Amino acid sequence: MTEVPEHLLRRSRERRKALGLPVEGDDGDDAAPEASAEGGEPAAPAPAPAAPAPAASGGGGGALFEDLSQKTGVPAHLLERSARRRSQLTGEPMPGGGDAGGEVAPAAAAATAVATAPAPIAAGPDGHTHRLLTVVKAGSIQQTKASPVDKVHTWPHLLVFEFTALLAVTAVLTIFSALVRAPLLELADPNLTPNPSKAPWYFLGLQEILTMFHPMVAGVLFPGYGLLALGAAPYLDKNPKNNPRDRKFAVALFTVFIVAAAILAIIGSFFRGPGFNFTYPWADGVFFDL
C-alpha cells in the first residue's frame, strides 16, 4: 500500500475538525461535551461518521486512478476517495463507472470535499514534477567589479598635469631670477686661471671623481657604466606595476644614482677651496659662485 504523505494526513485532520467530524487518534475531539453544572441543556452530540463507501465497481476505475497517480504523484486511494466524495455531493457518476454508494446526509452534503484531485502537472525531464520558483543563472547573482585599468587618456589627464608643472617651473624661475642677482664677471684672462677653477654645478660630480681616480676611470669608465646601467634598467626590471611600493629594484637604483650625484656635487661646491683642496665652509668660507 502506498504511504500517505504526512502533510496530506495533517490537512485531512484539520478539515475534519473544521467540519465537526471525528478524527482518528484524537480522543479529545470524539468525547461529547458534558452538561454544565448549572443544569443547562447538554450540547448536541457530534454527528456520527458516515459509513465508508464501497469500493468502486468495475476494473476500469482502479486503472484510471493508478494512471492518474503516476502522473500527479498523489496516491491512488486518495484520488479514488476524493472522486467518490465528489460524486456523493454532486450526484455525478464516478470516473470509470464506479458506484458512489449510498445517499448522503443533508449536513454532509453541504460540506466540501476532503481532498480534490489536482490538475495534471506538466512533468519535467525524466518525469520529475518538482516545482521551482525560478531558474537563476549563477553568473547573475555574483557581484562583479571592473578590473582596475592603469591606462588613462592623454587628454585631458596627462597634458593637464604637464601644463600645470610647466607653469609652476616657469613661475619659480621668474621669481628666482628677479630676486637673485647674477652679474657677469670680468672678461676672462687666458694668462690667469682662477683658483679654484670649478666646473658648472652639474659637472662638479665628475670633477670630484677626477680628484680620486685616473682621468680614464673618472671621465670614461664611470660615466659609461652609469649610462649603461640606466639604459639596461628597464630590461633588468620588467615589473609592469606602476606603484612605487611594488618597484623596489627600480626605486633603489634611482635612489643610489641621485644620492651619489647629489653628494659629489655638494662636496665640489662647498667643500673645495683653492687648489681644489678639501676645506670646511664654516671655517674657510665658500668658494663657489652662482
Protein backbone atom coordinates (compact mmCIF):
# COMPACT_ATOMS: atom_id res chain seq x y z
CA MET A 1 0.00 0.00 0.00
CA THR A 2 1.23 3.46 -0.87
CA GLU A 3 2.31 5.53 2.12
CA VAL A 4 0.23 8.69 2.55
CA PRO A 5 2.33 11.84 2.93
CA GLU A 6 2.25 13.45 6.34
CA HIS A 7 1.12 16.85 5.07
CA LEU A 8 -1.97 15.29 3.43
CA LEU A 9 -2.92 13.50 6.64
CA ARG A 10 -2.50 16.68 8.65
CA ARG A 11 -4.60 18.69 6.22
CA SER A 12 -7.31 15.99 6.29
CA ARG A 13 -7.45 16.03 10.09
CA GLU A 14 -7.71 19.82 10.17
CA ARG A 15 -10.52 19.75 7.62
CA ARG A 16 -12.47 17.10 9.54
CA LYS A 17 -12.15 19.11 12.73
CA ALA A 18 -13.45 22.20 10.94
CA LEU A 19 -16.49 20.22 9.74
CA GLY A 20 -17.12 18.74 13.19
CA LEU A 21 -16.34 15.20 12.12
CA PRO A 22 -14.48 12.80 14.41
CA VAL A 23 -10.76 12.46 13.85
CA GLU A 24 -8.93 9.19 14.30
CA GLY A 25 -6.34 9.28 17.05
CA ASP A 26 -7.84 12.40 18.68
CA ASP A 27 -9.83 11.24 21.75
CA GLY A 28 -10.42 14.75 23.00
CA ASP A 29 -12.45 15.70 19.95
CA ASP A 30 -14.54 12.44 19.97
CA ALA A 31 -15.80 12.96 23.53
CA ALA A 32 -19.17 14.62 23.73
CA PRO A 33 -19.31 17.82 25.77
CA GLU A 34 -20.78 17.40 29.21
CA ALA A 35 -23.72 19.33 30.53
CA SER A 36 -22.98 22.38 32.61
CA ALA A 37 -23.26 22.25 36.39
CA GLU A 38 -26.00 24.92 36.33
CA GLY A 39 -28.46 22.45 34.86
CA GLY A 40 -28.23 23.69 31.32
CA GLU A 41 -29.09 21.50 28.42
CA PRO A 42 -26.25 19.44 27.03
CA ALA A 43 -24.91 20.33 23.67
CA ALA A 44 -25.96 18.35 20.64
CA PRO A 45 -23.74 15.35 20.07
CA ALA A 46 -21.38 15.35 17.15
CA PRO A 47 -22.75 13.70 14.04
CA ALA A 48 -21.80 10.09 13.63
CA PRO A 49 -19.21 9.33 10.99
CA ALA A 50 -20.63 8.26 7.71
CA ALA A 51 -20.25 4.68 6.74
CA PRO A 52 -17.35 4.05 4.43
CA ALA A 53 -18.39 4.00 0.84
CA PRO A 54 -17.95 0.77 -1.01
CA ALA A 55 -15.13 0.39 -3.43
CA ALA A 56 -15.69 1.40 -6.99
CA SER A 57 -17.11 -1.33 -9.11
CA GLY A 58 -15.54 -2.36 -12.32
CA GLY A 59 -11.97 -2.83 -13.25
CA GLY A 60 -11.67 0.36 -15.28
CA GLY A 61 -11.88 2.75 -12.31
CA GLY A 62 -8.85 1.36 -10.46
CA ALA A 63 -6.67 1.50 -13.55
CA LEU A 64 -7.76 5.09 -14.18
CA PHE A 65 -6.77 6.16 -10.67
CA GLU A 66 -3.45 4.32 -10.93
CA ASP A 67 -2.61 6.15 -14.17
CA LEU A 68 -3.60 9.48 -12.64
CA SER A 69 -1.50 8.71 -9.55
CA GLN A 70 1.56 8.08 -11.68
CA LYS A 71 1.11 11.40 -13.47
CA THR A 72 0.33 13.59 -10.45
CA GLY A 73 2.22 11.83 -7.66
CA VAL A 74 -0.94 11.65 -5.44
CA PRO A 75 -1.73 8.17 -4.03
CA ALA A 76 -4.41 6.29 -5.97
CA HIS A 77 -6.62 5.58 -2.94
CA LEU A 78 -6.76 9.30 -2.12
CA LEU A 79 -7.81 10.10 -5.68
CA GLU A 80 -10.48 7.39 -5.55
CA ARG A 81 -11.83 8.57 -2.22
CA SER A 82 -11.95 12.16 -3.44
CA ALA A 83 -13.81 11.16 -6.60
CA ARG A 84 -16.33 9.11 -4.58
CA ARG A 85 -16.91 12.01 -2.20
CA ARG A 86 -17.42 14.42 -5.06
CA SER A 87 -19.86 12.00 -6.68
CA GLN A 88 -21.86 11.78 -3.46
CA LEU A 89 -22.06 15.57 -3.10
CA THR A 90 -22.82 16.44 -6.70
CA GLY A 91 -24.70 13.35 -7.86
CA GLU A 92 -22.43 12.91 -10.83
CA PRO A 93 -21.22 9.40 -11.73
CA MET A 94 -17.73 8.42 -10.69
CA PRO A 95 -14.97 8.29 -13.31
CA GLY A 96 -14.51 4.77 -14.69
CA GLY A 97 -18.09 3.68 -13.98
CA GLY A 98 -17.69 3.17 -10.23
CA ASP A 99 -20.55 3.33 -7.68
CA ALA A 100 -20.70 6.28 -5.32
CA GLY A 101 -22.54 4.11 -2.85
CA GLY A 102 -25.43 5.26 -0.66
CA GLU A 103 -27.23 8.51 -0.06
CA VAL A 104 -25.56 11.47 1.50
CA ALA A 105 -26.88 13.13 4.65
CA PRO A 106 -28.06 16.73 4.25
CA ALA A 107 -25.43 18.04 6.68
CA ALA A 108 -22.67 16.17 4.90
CA ALA A 109 -23.94 17.31 1.51
CA ALA A 110 -23.12 20.90 2.43
CA ALA A 111 -19.54 20.04 3.37
CA THR A 112 -16.77 20.41 0.88
CA ALA A 113 -14.60 17.55 -0.26
CA VAL A 114 -11.72 16.49 1.95
CA ALA A 115 -9.28 16.34 -0.88
CA THR A 116 -9.77 17.02 -4.56
CA ALA A 117 -7.82 15.55 -7.42
CA PRO A 118 -5.29 18.20 -8.52
CA ALA A 119 -4.90 19.14 -12.13
CA PRO A 120 -2.26 17.17 -14.00
CA ILE A 121 1.16 18.73 -13.56
CA ALA A 122 3.45 19.02 -16.53
CA ALA A 123 6.32 16.63 -16.00
CA GLY A 124 9.88 17.82 -16.49
CA PRO A 125 12.93 15.89 -17.68
CA ASP A 126 12.95 12.22 -16.64
CA GLY A 127 9.37 12.56 -15.34
CA HIS A 128 10.25 14.85 -12.40
CA THR A 129 7.38 17.01 -11.15
CA HIS A 130 9.27 19.22 -8.71
CA ARG A 131 8.13 22.81 -8.88
CA LEU A 132 10.78 25.54 -8.97
CA LEU A 133 10.29 29.19 -8.16
CA THR A 134 12.64 30.33 -10.87
CA VAL A 135 15.83 29.37 -12.59
CA VAL A 136 18.62 31.88 -12.00
CA LYS A 137 21.94 31.72 -13.73
CA ALA A 138 24.92 31.51 -11.40
CA GLY A 139 26.68 34.43 -13.04
CA SER A 140 23.81 36.87 -12.49
CA ILE A 141 23.87 36.60 -8.68
CA GLN A 142 27.58 37.23 -8.36
CA GLN A 143 28.75 40.75 -7.74
CA THR A 144 31.17 41.69 -10.47
CA LYS A 145 33.65 44.54 -10.25
CA ALA A 146 35.52 46.06 -13.12
CA SER A 147 39.21 45.27 -13.08
CA PRO A 148 41.39 48.36 -12.49
CA VAL A 149 42.95 49.80 -15.60
CA ASP A 150 46.29 51.61 -15.32
CA LYS A 151 45.91 53.46 -18.62
CA VAL A 152 44.36 56.90 -18.98
CA HIS A 153 43.76 59.18 -21.91
CA THR A 154 46.49 61.64 -22.91
CA TRP A 155 43.97 64.46 -22.99
CA PRO A 156 42.99 65.78 -20.57
CA HIS A 157 44.59 63.63 -17.87
CA LEU A 158 48.27 63.77 -18.87
CA LEU A 159 48.50 67.13 -20.63
CA VAL A 160 46.75 68.99 -17.85
CA PHE A 161 49.34 67.85 -15.30
CA GLU A 162 52.23 68.58 -17.67
CA PHE A 163 50.93 72.06 -18.44
CA THR A 164 50.44 72.75 -14.71
CA ALA A 165 54.02 71.63 -13.98
CA LEU A 166 55.32 73.85 -16.80
CA LEU A 167 53.54 76.89 -15.35
CA ALA A 168 54.89 76.12 -11.86
CA VAL A 169 58.51 75.81 -13.07
CA THR A 170 58.21 79.00 -15.12
CA ALA A 171 56.86 80.90 -12.12
CA VAL A 172 59.66 79.64 -9.84
CA LEU A 173 62.39 80.57 -12.35
CA THR A 174 60.88 84.01 -12.91
CA ILE A 175 60.71 84.78 -9.17
CA PHE A 176 64.22 83.40 -8.58
CA SER A 177 65.65 85.50 -11.44
CA ALA A 178 64.01 88.64 -10.07
CA LEU A 179 65.24 88.16 -6.51
CA VAL A 180 68.79 86.77 -7.00
CA ARG A 181 71.33 88.94 -8.82
CA ALA A 182 73.67 87.13 -11.19
CA PRO A 183 76.07 89.75 -12.53
CA LEU A 184 78.60 88.94 -15.22
CA LEU A 185 82.20 88.54 -14.13
CA GLU A 186 85.11 90.36 -15.69
CA LEU A 187 86.45 89.27 -19.01
CA ALA A 188 88.34 86.01 -18.93
CA ASP A 189 92.15 86.31 -18.95
CA PRO A 190 93.85 83.47 -20.84
CA ASN A 191 97.03 84.07 -18.85
CA LEU A 192 95.31 83.92 -15.45
CA THR A 193 93.39 80.83 -14.30
CA PRO A 194 91.06 81.46 -11.35
CA ASN A 195 91.81 79.49 -8.22
CA PRO A 196 89.85 77.36 -7.57
CA SER A 197 88.66 76.64 -11.09
CA LYS A 198 85.34 74.82 -10.82
CA ALA A 199 83.08 73.38 -13.50
CA PRO A 200 79.33 74.16 -13.58
CA TRP A 201 77.40 72.53 -10.77
CA TYR A 202 76.03 69.76 -12.99
CA PHE A 203 79.63 68.69 -13.83
CA LEU A 204 81.05 69.06 -10.32
CA GLY A 205 80.36 65.37 -9.63
CA LEU A 206 82.69 64.31 -12.44
CA GLN A 207 85.29 66.87 -11.37
CA GLU A 208 85.10 65.45 -7.83
CA ILE A 209 85.71 61.93 -9.19
CA LEU A 210 88.78 63.23 -11.08
CA THR A 211 90.42 64.08 -7.75
CA MET A 212 90.11 60.43 -6.63
CA PHE A 213 90.73 58.30 -9.78
CA HIS A 214 92.66 58.30 -13.02
CA PRO A 215 91.15 60.53 -15.74
CA MET A 216 90.41 57.46 -17.85
CA VAL A 217 88.46 55.89 -15.00
CA ALA A 218 86.77 59.07 -13.81
CA GLY A 219 86.00 60.56 -17.22
CA VAL A 220 85.17 57.46 -19.32
CA LEU A 221 84.52 54.31 -17.31
CA PHE A 222 82.37 55.71 -14.50
CA PRO A 223 80.09 57.81 -16.77
CA GLY A 224 79.90 54.98 -19.31
CA TYR A 225 78.97 52.36 -16.75
CA GLY A 226 76.43 54.71 -15.21
CA LEU A 227 74.70 55.39 -18.52
CA LEU A 228 74.83 51.70 -19.41
CA ALA A 229 73.19 50.75 -16.09
CA LEU A 230 70.42 53.33 -16.58
CA GLY A 231 69.79 52.08 -20.12
CA ALA A 232 69.64 48.43 -19.04
CA ALA A 233 67.39 49.08 -16.03
CA PRO A 234 64.08 48.64 -17.97
CA TYR A 235 65.32 45.28 -19.27
CA LEU A 236 66.54 44.09 -15.88
CA ASP A 237 63.38 45.13 -14.05
CA LYS A 238 60.35 44.02 -16.09
CA ASN A 239 57.82 44.64 -13.35
CA PRO A 240 54.69 46.06 -15.08
CA LYS A 241 53.29 47.67 -11.92
CA ASN A 242 53.30 51.45 -11.51
CA ASN A 243 53.03 51.61 -7.72
CA PRO A 244 56.41 52.65 -6.23
CA ARG A 245 55.86 50.17 -3.37
CA ASP A 246 55.97 47.33 -5.90
CA ARG A 247 59.05 48.62 -7.76
CA LYS A 248 61.73 48.19 -5.11
CA PHE A 249 64.57 47.47 -7.56
CA ALA A 250 63.88 50.50 -9.77
CA VAL A 251 63.41 52.81 -6.79
CA ALA A 252 66.61 51.58 -5.13
CA LEU A 253 68.65 52.02 -8.33
CA PHE A 254 67.37 55.53 -8.95
CA THR A 255 67.86 56.49 -5.29
CA VAL A 256 71.51 55.35 -5.34
CA PHE A 257 72.19 57.33 -8.54
CA ILE A 258 70.56 60.55 -7.29
CA VAL A 259 72.12 60.40 -3.82
CA ALA A 260 75.62 59.76 -5.22
CA ALA A 261 75.35 62.62 -7.73
CA ALA A 262 74.00 65.00 -5.06
CA ILE A 263 76.78 64.16 -2.56
CA LEU A 264 79.55 64.67 -5.15
CA ALA A 265 78.02 67.99 -6.32
CA ILE A 266 77.69 69.28 -2.75
CA ILE A 267 81.29 68.36 -1.87
CA GLY A 268 82.64 70.02 -5.05
CA SER A 269 80.56 73.18 -4.48
CA PHE A 270 81.06 73.88 -0.78
CA PHE A 271 83.95 71.74 0.47
CA ARG A 272 86.63 72.55 -2.15
CA GLY A 273 88.81 75.64 -1.86
CA PRO A 274 91.98 77.00 -3.56
CA GLY A 275 93.84 74.29 -5.44
CA PHE A 276 90.63 72.25 -5.23
CA ASN A 277 91.71 71.17 -1.79
CA PHE A 278 89.23 69.95 0.83
CA THR A 279 88.10 72.76 3.14
CA TYR A 280 85.37 73.40 5.68
CA PRO A 281 82.94 76.09 4.57
CA TRP A 282 82.25 77.26 8.14
CA ALA A 283 85.99 77.82 8.70
CA ASP A 284 87.47 78.97 5.35
CA GLY A 285 84.34 80.24 3.57
CA VAL A 286 82.56 79.13 0.43
CA PHE A 287 84.47 79.18 -2.86
CA PHE A 288 81.51 78.87 -5.15
CA ASP A 289 79.62 81.47 -7.23
CA LEU A 290 76.16 81.03 -8.66
